[in-house]
Amino acid sequence: MKKLLLVASVILMGVSVSAQEVRFGVKAGYSMSTIKYESDLGSESSDPVHTFYAGGLVEYKISDKFGLQGELLYSPLGGKYVIKEEDEDDPDTFFNLKTKTTLGTLLIPVSAKYFITENLSVSAGASFGVILSAKQETVFDAGFNIPGVEIGTDNEIDIKDQTNTLNIAPFIGAEYMLENGLFFDARYNLGVSNLAKNPEFNETAKNSFLQIGVGFKFGGN
């Protein structure tokens, strides 16, 4: 009986230690997203789109210095272009064109973490994005008539069939966590996947984004 109690105690201690190594959490924050286009005709980067991200995470601490983290987030990423032309001599003569691409993306970031101190860590990994929806909104306005074009139009089209589904983005980041589980983090994701499907002139479209946010982790010591 004493041996059974001893074995049971060891097992319970092992379970307790393992449970303390795993922490679950939630996070949300601000995203700044751009799309870089390249083709045989040249290259151009979009203006940033300011949006958000939100989701959950699980962290497994291998040792005092190393850990692994997986997340499941949602973020509407993308980019926009703004073209403005105005006649200096005639303010009523102008041309404005705004095009915004929105990629509704389910993000699955996986990272390795190094703890500089108990509270401060740096990380590196990759975010695997699954594009659930892709839309392009175009707003056109002008101070003169163009045959066949309606002035002041706001047109949104679905471009999911023209967009590849997988968006892989390696990233580096940093995190600072308080004793109560509240943490702040920042991460830069560099898009490497070509999102342009069936390119005609060797077009590539790569989505990169910055994330700055706050979250809370449950459990742990």
C-alpha atoms as a PDB file:
ATOM      1  CA  MET A   1       0.000   0.000   0.000  1.00  0.00           C
ATOM      2  CA  LYS A   2       2.825   2.381   0.855  1.00  0.00           C
ATOM      3  CA  LYS A   3       4.433   1.689  -2.526  1.00  0.00           C
ATOM      4  CA  LEU A   4       1.143   2.411  -4.302  1.00  0.00           C
ATOM      5  CA  LEU A   5       0.775   5.680  -2.413  1.00  0.00           C
ATOM      6  CA  LEU A   6       4.343   6.632  -3.287  1.00  0.00           C
ATOM      7  CA  VAL A   7       3.801   5.901  -6.998  1.00  0.00           C
ATOM      8  CA  ALA A   8       0.518   7.838  -6.950  1.00  0.00           C
ATOM      9  CA  SER A   9       2.235  10.792  -5.294  1.00  0.00           C
ATOM     10  CA  VAL A  10       4.990  10.831  -7.917  1.00  0.00           C
ATOM     11  CA  ILE A  11       2.422  10.669 -10.734  1.00  0.00           C
ATOM     12  CA  LEU A  12       0.390  13.524  -9.233  1.00  0.00           C
ATOM     13  CA  MET A  13       3.531  15.609  -8.804  1.00  0.00           C
ATOM     14  CA  GLY A  14       4.449  14.978 -12.446  1.00  0.00           C
ATOM     15  CA  VAL A  15       0.985  15.979 -13.617  1.00  0.00           C
ATOM     16  CA  SER A  16       1.157  19.126 -11.492  1.00  0.00           C
ATOM     17  CA  VAL A  17       4.552  20.104 -12.901  1.00  0.00           C
ATOM     18  CA  SER A  18       3.399  19.451 -16.473  1.00  0.00           C
ATOM     19  CA  ALA A  19       0.263  21.517 -15.919  1.00  0.00           C
ATOM     20  CA  GLN A  20       2.361  24.426 -14.689  1.00  0.00           C
ATOM     21  CA  GLU A  21       4.408  24.351 -17.889  1.00  0.00           C
ATOM     22  CA  VAL A  22       1.374  24.955 -20.108  1.00  0.00           C
ATOM     23  CA  ARG A  23      -0.488  28.253 -20.225  1.00  0.00           C
ATOM     24  CA  PHE A  24      -3.541  29.211 -22.248  1.00  0.00           C
ATOM     25  CA  GLY A  25      -4.446  32.751 -23.133  1.00  0.00           C
ATOM     26  CA  VAL A  26      -6.265  35.294 -25.246  1.00  0.00           C
ATOM     27  CA  LYS A  27      -4.863  38.251 -27.182  1.00  0.00           C
ATOM     28  CA  ALA A  28      -5.995  41.110 -29.401  1.00  0.00           C
ATOM     29  CA  GLY A  29      -4.527  44.231 -30.888  1.00  0.00           C
ATOM     30  CA  TYR A  30      -3.656  46.486 -33.779  1.00  0.00           C
ATOM     31  CA  SER A  31      -2.394  45.382 -37.211  1.00  0.00           C
ATOM     32  CA  MET A  32      -0.770  47.494 -39.919  1.00  0.00           C
ATOM     33  CA  SER A  33      -0.861  45.575 -43.196  1.00  0.00           C
ATOM     34  CA  THR A  34       0.592  46.210 -46.666  1.00  0.00           C
ATOM     35  CA  ILE A  35       0.762  44.360 -49.984  1.00  0.00           C
ATOM     36  CA  LYS A  36       3.811  44.506 -52.233  1.00  0.00           C
ATOM     37  CA  TYR A  37       3.164  43.945 -55.943  1.00  0.00           C
ATOM     38  CA  GLU A  38       5.903  42.976 -58.397  1.00  0.00           C
ATOM     39  CA  SER A  39       5.750  42.045 -62.088  1.00  0.00           C
ATOM     40  CA  ASP A  40       7.651  42.361 -65.345  1.00  0.00           C
ATOM     41  CA  LEU A  41       6.326  45.922 -65.474  1.00  0.00           C
ATOM     42  CA  GLY A  42       7.840  46.971 -62.128  1.00  0.00           C
ATOM     43  CA  SER A  43       7.080  46.903 -58.408  1.00  0.00           C
ATOM     44  CA  GLU A  44       4.991  48.934 -55.996  1.00  0.00           C
ATOM     45  CA  SER A  45       3.993  48.738 -52.341  1.00  0.00           C
ATOM     46  CA  SER A  46       0.526  49.651 -51.162  1.00  0.00           C
ATOM     47  CA  ASP A  47      -0.355  52.160 -48.494  1.00  0.00           C
ATOM     48  CA  PRO A  48      -0.993  50.480 -45.122  1.00  0.00           C
ATOM     49  CA  VAL A  49      -4.369  49.299 -43.923  1.00  0.00           C
ATOM     50  CA  HIS A  50      -4.943  49.821 -40.193  1.00  0.00           C
ATOM     51  CA  THR A  51      -6.978  46.985 -38.733  1.00  0.00           C
ATOM     52  CA  PHE A  52      -7.106  44.500 -35.826  1.00  0.00           C
ATOM     53  CA  TYR A  53      -6.471  40.915 -34.786  1.00  0.00           C
ATOM     54  CA  ALA A  54      -7.969  38.710 -32.039  1.00  0.00           C
ATOM     55  CA  GLY A  55      -7.793  35.110 -30.882  1.00  0.00           C
ATOM     56  CA  GLY A  56      -6.263  32.620 -28.467  1.00  0.00           C
ATOM     57  CA  LEU A  57      -2.935  30.950 -27.724  1.00  0.00           C
ATOM     58  CA  VAL A  58      -1.241  28.099 -25.889  1.00  0.00           C
ATOM     59  CA  GLU A  59       2.315  28.354 -24.524  1.00  0.00           C
ATOM     60  CA  TYR A  60       4.459  25.387 -23.505  1.00  0.00           C
ATOM     61  CA  LYS A  61       7.566  26.243 -21.527  1.00  0.00           C
ATOM     62  CA  ILE A  62      10.236  23.598 -22.117  1.00  0.00           C
ATOM     63  CA  SER A  63      12.676  25.084 -19.599  1.00  0.00           C
ATOM     64  CA  ASP A  64      13.392  28.364 -17.829  1.00  0.00           C
ATOM     65  CA  LYS A  65      14.846  29.750 -21.061  1.00  0.00           C
ATOM     66  CA  PHE A  66      12.957  28.083 -23.929  1.00  0.00           C
ATOM     67  CA  GLY A  67       9.342  27.619 -24.915  1.00  0.00           C
ATOM     68  CA  LEU A  68       6.953  26.979 -27.793  1.00  0.00           C
ATOM     69  CA  GLN A  69       3.785  28.883 -28.616  1.00  0.00           C
ATOM     70  CA  GLY A  70       0.885  28.255 -30.974  1.00  0.00           C
ATOM     71  CA  GLU A  71      -1.958  30.658 -31.724  1.00  0.00           C
ATOM     72  CA  LEU A  72      -5.232  30.900 -33.595  1.00  0.00           C
ATOM     73  CA  LEU A  73      -6.103  34.456 -34.677  1.00  0.00           C
ATOM     74  CA  TYR A  74      -8.410  36.260 -37.075  1.00  0.00           C
ATOM     75  CA  SER A  75      -7.414  39.457 -38.875  1.00  0.00           C
ATOM     76  CA  PRO A  76      -8.734  41.347 -41.930  1.00  0.00           C
ATOM     77  CA  LEU A  77      -5.406  42.105 -43.630  1.00  0.00           C
ATOM     78  CA  GLY A  78      -4.691  43.799 -46.984  1.00  0.00           C
ATOM     79  CA  GLY A  79      -3.554  47.090 -48.465  1.00  0.00           C
ATOM     80  CA  LYS A  80      -4.816  50.172 -50.289  1.00  0.00           C
ATOM     81  CA  TYR A  81      -3.849  52.555 -53.081  1.00  0.00           C
ATOM     82  CA  VAL A  82      -4.805  56.213 -53.237  1.00  0.00           C
ATOM     83  CA  ILE A  83      -4.293  58.323 -56.377  1.00  0.00           C
ATOM     84  CA  LYS A  84      -5.101  62.032 -56.178  1.00  0.00           C
ATOM     85  CA  GLU A  85      -4.633  64.505 -59.026  1.00  0.00           C
ATOM     86  CA  GLU A  86      -5.728  68.133 -59.008  1.00  0.00           C
ATOM     87  CA  ASP A  87      -5.432  71.019 -61.450  1.00  0.00           C
ATOM     88  CA  GLU A  88      -3.638  73.846 -59.626  1.00  0.00           C
ATOM     89  CA  ASP A  89      -5.371  76.440 -61.783  1.00  0.00           C
ATOM     90  CA  ASP A  90      -8.843  74.912 -61.426  1.00  0.00           C
ATOM     91  CA  PRO A  91      -9.675  73.298 -58.039  1.00  0.00           C
ATOM     92  CA  ASP A  92     -12.931  71.939 -59.544  1.00  0.00           C
ATOM     93  CA  THR A  93     -10.901  69.734 -61.859  1.00  0.00           C
ATOM     94  CA  PHE A  94      -9.602  66.739 -59.914  1.00  0.00           C
ATOM     95  CA  PHE A  95      -9.246  62.967 -60.051  1.00  0.00           C
ATOM     96  CA  ASN A  96      -9.411  60.675 -57.000  1.00  0.00           C
ATOM     97  CA  LEU A  97      -9.103  56.876 -57.077  1.00  0.00           C
ATOM     98  CA  LYS A  98      -9.023  54.715 -53.950  1.00  0.00           C
ATOM     99  CA  THR A  99      -8.619  50.933 -54.111  1.00  0.00           C
ATOM    100  CA  LYS A 100      -8.667  48.818 -50.952  1.00  0.00           C
ATOM    101  CA  THR A 101      -8.015  45.066 -50.797  1.00  0.00           C
ATOM    102  CA  THR A 102      -9.306  43.218 -47.722  1.00  0.00           C
ATOM    103  CA  LEU A 103      -8.166  39.661 -46.993  1.00  0.00           C
ATOM    104  CA  GLY A 104     -10.179  38.010 -44.224  1.00  0.00           C
ATOM    105  CA  THR A 105      -7.447  35.775 -42.811  1.00  0.00           C
ATOM    106  CA  LEU A 106      -7.348  32.984 -40.233  1.00  0.00           C
ATOM    107  CA  LEU A 107      -3.801  33.070 -38.820  1.00  0.00           C
ATOM    108  CA  ILE A 108      -2.005  30.102 -37.233  1.00  0.00           C
ATOM    109  CA  PRO A 109       1.306  31.438 -35.849  1.00  0.00           C
ATOM    110  CA  VAL A 110       3.815  28.927 -34.460  1.00  0.00           C
ATOM    111  CA  SER A 111       6.933  30.204 -32.685  1.00  0.00           C
ATOM    112  CA  ALA A 112       9.943  29.301 -30.579  1.00  0.00           C
ATOM    113  CA  LYS A 113      10.549  31.587 -27.605  1.00  0.00           C
ATOM    114  CA  TYR A 114      13.678  32.531 -25.686  1.00  0.00           C
ATOM    115  CA  PHE A 115      13.194  34.033 -22.230  1.00  0.00           C
ATOM    116  CA  ILE A 116      15.768  36.747 -21.579  1.00  0.00           C
ATOM    117  CA  THR A 117      14.263  37.138 -18.112  1.00  0.00           C
ATOM    118  CA  GLU A 118      11.254  35.504 -16.487  1.00  0.00           C
ATOM    119  CA  ASN A 119       9.033  38.262 -17.870  1.00  0.00           C
ATOM    120  CA  LEU A 120      10.751  39.288 -21.124  1.00  0.00           C
ATOM    121  CA  SER A 121      11.014  36.986 -24.146  1.00  0.00           C
ATOM    122  CA  VAL A 122      11.824  37.153 -27.837  1.00  0.00           C
ATOM    123  CA  SER A 123      10.370  34.839 -30.457  1.00  0.00           C
ATOM    124  CA  ALA A 124      10.778  33.681 -34.034  1.00  0.00           C
ATOM    125  CA  GLY A 125       8.502  31.558 -36.142  1.00  0.00           C
ATOM    126  CA  ALA A 126       6.046  31.586 -39.018  1.00  0.00           C
ATOM    127  CA  SER A 127       2.415  32.549 -39.401  1.00  0.00           C
ATOM    128  CA  PHE A 128       0.350  30.271 -41.636  1.00  0.00           C
ATOM    129  CA  GLY A 129      -2.560  32.319 -42.932  1.00  0.00           C
ATOM    130  CA  VAL A 130      -5.669  30.831 -44.501  1.00  0.00           C
ATOM    131  CA  ILE A 131      -7.472  33.467 -46.569  1.00  0.00           C
ATOM    132  CA  LEU A 132     -11.189  32.951 -45.995  1.00  0.00           C
ATOM    133  CA  SER A 133     -12.383  35.908 -48.077  1.00  0.00           C
ATOM    134  CA  ALA A 134     -10.865  38.433 -50.469  1.00  0.00           C
ATOM    135  CA  LYS A 135     -12.592  41.611 -51.600  1.00  0.00           C
ATOM    136  CA  GLN A 136     -11.524  44.709 -53.475  1.00  0.00           C
ATOM    137  CA  GLU A 137     -13.322  48.022 -53.032  1.00  0.00           C
ATOM    138  CA  THR A 138     -12.812  50.855 -55.511  1.00  0.00           C
ATOM    139  CA  VAL A 139     -14.030  54.409 -54.944  1.00  0.00           C
ATOM    140  CA  PHE A 140     -13.773  56.813 -57.884  1.00  0.00           C
ATOM    141  CA  ASP A 141     -14.472  60.512 -57.896  1.00  0.00           C
ATOM    142  CA  ALA A 142     -13.599  63.268 -60.367  1.00  0.00           C
ATOM    143  CA  GLY A 143     -14.359  66.898 -61.112  1.00  0.00           C
ATOM    144  CA  PHE A 144     -15.043  66.199 -64.788  1.00  0.00           C
ATOM    145  CA  ASN A 145     -17.031  63.707 -66.832  1.00  0.00           C
ATOM    146  CA  ILE A 146     -15.488  60.536 -68.244  1.00  0.00           C
ATOM    147  CA  PRO A 147     -17.563  58.756 -70.895  1.00  0.00           C
ATOM    148  CA  GLY A 148     -18.905  55.438 -69.587  1.00  0.00           C
ATOM    149  CA  VAL A 149     -17.807  56.031 -65.992  1.00  0.00           C
ATOM    150  CA  GLU A 150     -20.188  57.024 -63.218  1.00  0.00           C
ATOM    151  CA  ILE A 151     -18.677  59.676 -60.970  1.00  0.00           C
ATOM    152  CA  GLY A 152     -18.739  58.981 -57.221  1.00  0.00           C
ATOM    153  CA  THR A 153     -19.105  55.220 -57.582  1.00  0.00           C
ATOM    154  CA  ASP A 154     -18.246  52.811 -54.753  1.00  0.00           C
ATOM    155  CA  ASN A 155     -17.760  49.360 -56.193  1.00  0.00           C
ATOM    156  CA  GLU A 156     -16.830  46.193 -54.245  1.00  0.00           C
ATOM    157  CA  ILE A 157     -16.005  42.912 -55.976  1.00  0.00           C
ATOM    158  CA  ASP A 158     -15.105  39.434 -54.767  1.00  0.00           C
ATOM    159  CA  ILE A 159     -11.549  38.471 -55.783  1.00  0.00           C
ATOM    160  CA  LYS A 160     -11.315  35.185 -53.863  1.00  0.00           C
ATOM    161  CA  ASP A 161     -11.017  33.199 -57.122  1.00  0.00           C
ATOM    162  CA  GLN A 162      -8.038  35.377 -58.092  1.00  0.00           C
ATOM    163  CA  THR A 163      -6.272  34.943 -54.738  1.00  0.00           C
ATOM    164  CA  ASN A 164      -4.248  32.013 -53.455  1.00  0.00           C
ATOM    165  CA  THR A 165      -5.487  30.671 -50.132  1.00  0.00           C
ATOM    166  CA  LEU A 166      -2.228  30.172 -48.201  1.00  0.00           C
ATOM    167  CA  ASN A 167      -0.249  33.151 -46.900  1.00  0.00           C
ATOM    168  CA  ILE A 168       2.997  32.156 -45.134  1.00  0.00           C
ATOM    169  CA  ALA A 169       4.787  34.911 -43.223  1.00  0.00           C
ATOM    170  CA  PRO A 170       7.926  34.313 -41.105  1.00  0.00           C
ATOM    171  CA  PHE A 171       8.106  36.642 -38.097  1.00  0.00           C
ATOM    172  CA  ILE A 172      10.170  37.920 -35.208  1.00  0.00           C
ATOM    173  CA  GLY A 173       8.711  39.408 -32.068  1.00  0.00           C
ATOM    174  CA  ALA A 174       9.025  40.283 -28.394  1.00  0.00           C
ATOM    175  CA  GLU A 175       6.772  39.942 -25.360  1.00  0.00           C
ATOM    176  CA  TYR A 176       6.691  41.342 -21.846  1.00  0.00           C
ATOM    177  CA  MET A 177       4.442  39.671 -19.267  1.00  0.00           C
ATOM    178  CA  LEU A 178       3.476  40.939 -15.821  1.00  0.00           C
ATOM    179  CA  GLU A 179       3.238  38.685 -12.774  1.00  0.00           C
ATOM    180  CA  ASN A 180      -0.571  38.537 -12.998  1.00  0.00           C
ATOM    181  CA  GLY A 181      -0.520  37.086 -16.549  1.00  0.00           C
ATOM    182  CA  LEU A 182      -1.184  40.320 -18.448  1.00  0.00           C
ATOM    183  CA  PHE A 183       1.246  40.685 -21.360  1.00  0.00           C
ATOM    184  CA  PHE A 184       2.150  43.058 -24.173  1.00  0.00           C
ATOM    185  CA  ASP A 185       3.711  41.931 -27.445  1.00  0.00           C
ATOM    186  CA  ALA A 186       4.837  43.150 -30.848  1.00  0.00           C
ATOM    187  CA  ARG A 187       5.590  41.167 -33.995  1.00  0.00           C
ATOM    188  CA  TYR A 188       6.569  41.811 -37.613  1.00  0.00           C
ATOM    189  CA  ASN A 189       5.414  39.279 -40.219  1.00  0.00           C
ATOM    190  CA  LEU A 190       7.162  39.243 -43.607  1.00  0.00           C
ATOM    191  CA  GLY A 191       4.952  37.828 -46.358  1.00  0.00           C
ATOM    192  CA  VAL A 192       6.712  35.339 -48.643  1.00  0.00           C
ATOM    193  CA  SER A 193       3.754  33.645 -50.374  1.00  0.00           C
ATOM    194  CA  ASN A 194       2.531  34.840 -53.756  1.00  0.00           C
ATOM    195  CA  LEU A 195      -1.165  35.595 -53.354  1.00  0.00           C
ATOM    196  CA  ALA A 196      -1.716  36.323 -57.046  1.00  0.00           C
ATOM    197  CA  LYS A 197      -3.336  33.344 -58.749  1.00  0.00           C
ATOM    198  CA  ASN A 198      -2.768  32.721 -62.491  1.00  0.00           C
ATOM    199  CA  PRO A 199      -0.360  35.662 -63.100  1.00  0.00           C
ATOM    200  CA  GLU A 200      -0.013  36.851 -66.687  1.00  0.00           C
ATOM    201  CA  PHE A 201       3.127  39.002 -66.365  1.00  0.00           C
ATOM    202  CA  ASN A 202       4.892  37.133 -63.537  1.00  0.00           C
ATOM    203  CA  GLU A 203       2.930  39.122 -60.977  1.00  0.00           C
ATOM    204  CA  THR A 204       3.505  38.540 -57.285  1.00  0.00           C
ATOM    205  CA  ALA A 205       1.494  39.945 -54.398  1.00  0.00           C
ATOM    206  CA  LYS A 206       2.953  39.494 -50.911  1.00  0.00           C
ATOM    207  CA  ASN A 207       1.217  40.527 -47.707  1.00  0.00           C
ATOM    208  CA  SER A 208       3.341  41.699 -44.754  1.00  0.00           C
ATOM    209  CA  PHE A 209       1.989  43.043 -41.467  1.00  0.00           C
ATOM    210  CA  LEU A 210       2.934  44.477 -38.084  1.00  0.00           C
ATOM    211  CA  GLN A 211       1.047  43.415 -34.948  1.00  0.00           C
ATOM    212  CA  ILE A 212       1.033  45.210 -31.591  1.00  0.00           C
ATOM    213  CA  GLY A 213      -1.247  43.937 -28.887  1.00  0.00           C
ATOM    214  CA  VAL A 214      -2.170  42.923 -25.372  1.00  0.00           C
ATOM    215  CA  GLY A 215      -3.335  39.660 -23.875  1.00  0.00           C
ATOM    216  CA  PHE A 216      -3.754  37.549 -20.785  1.00  0.00           C
ATOM    217  CA  LYS A 217      -2.377  34.101 -19.932  1.00  0.00           C
ATOM    218  CA  PHE A 218      -4.060  31.717 -17.494  1.00  0.00           C
ATOM    219  CA  GLY A 219      -2.316  29.100 -15.366  1.00  0.00           C
ATOM    220  CA  GLY A 220       1.386  28.640 -14.769  1.00  0.00           C
ATOM    221  CA  ASN A 221       3.331  29.238 -11.601  1.00  0.00           C
END
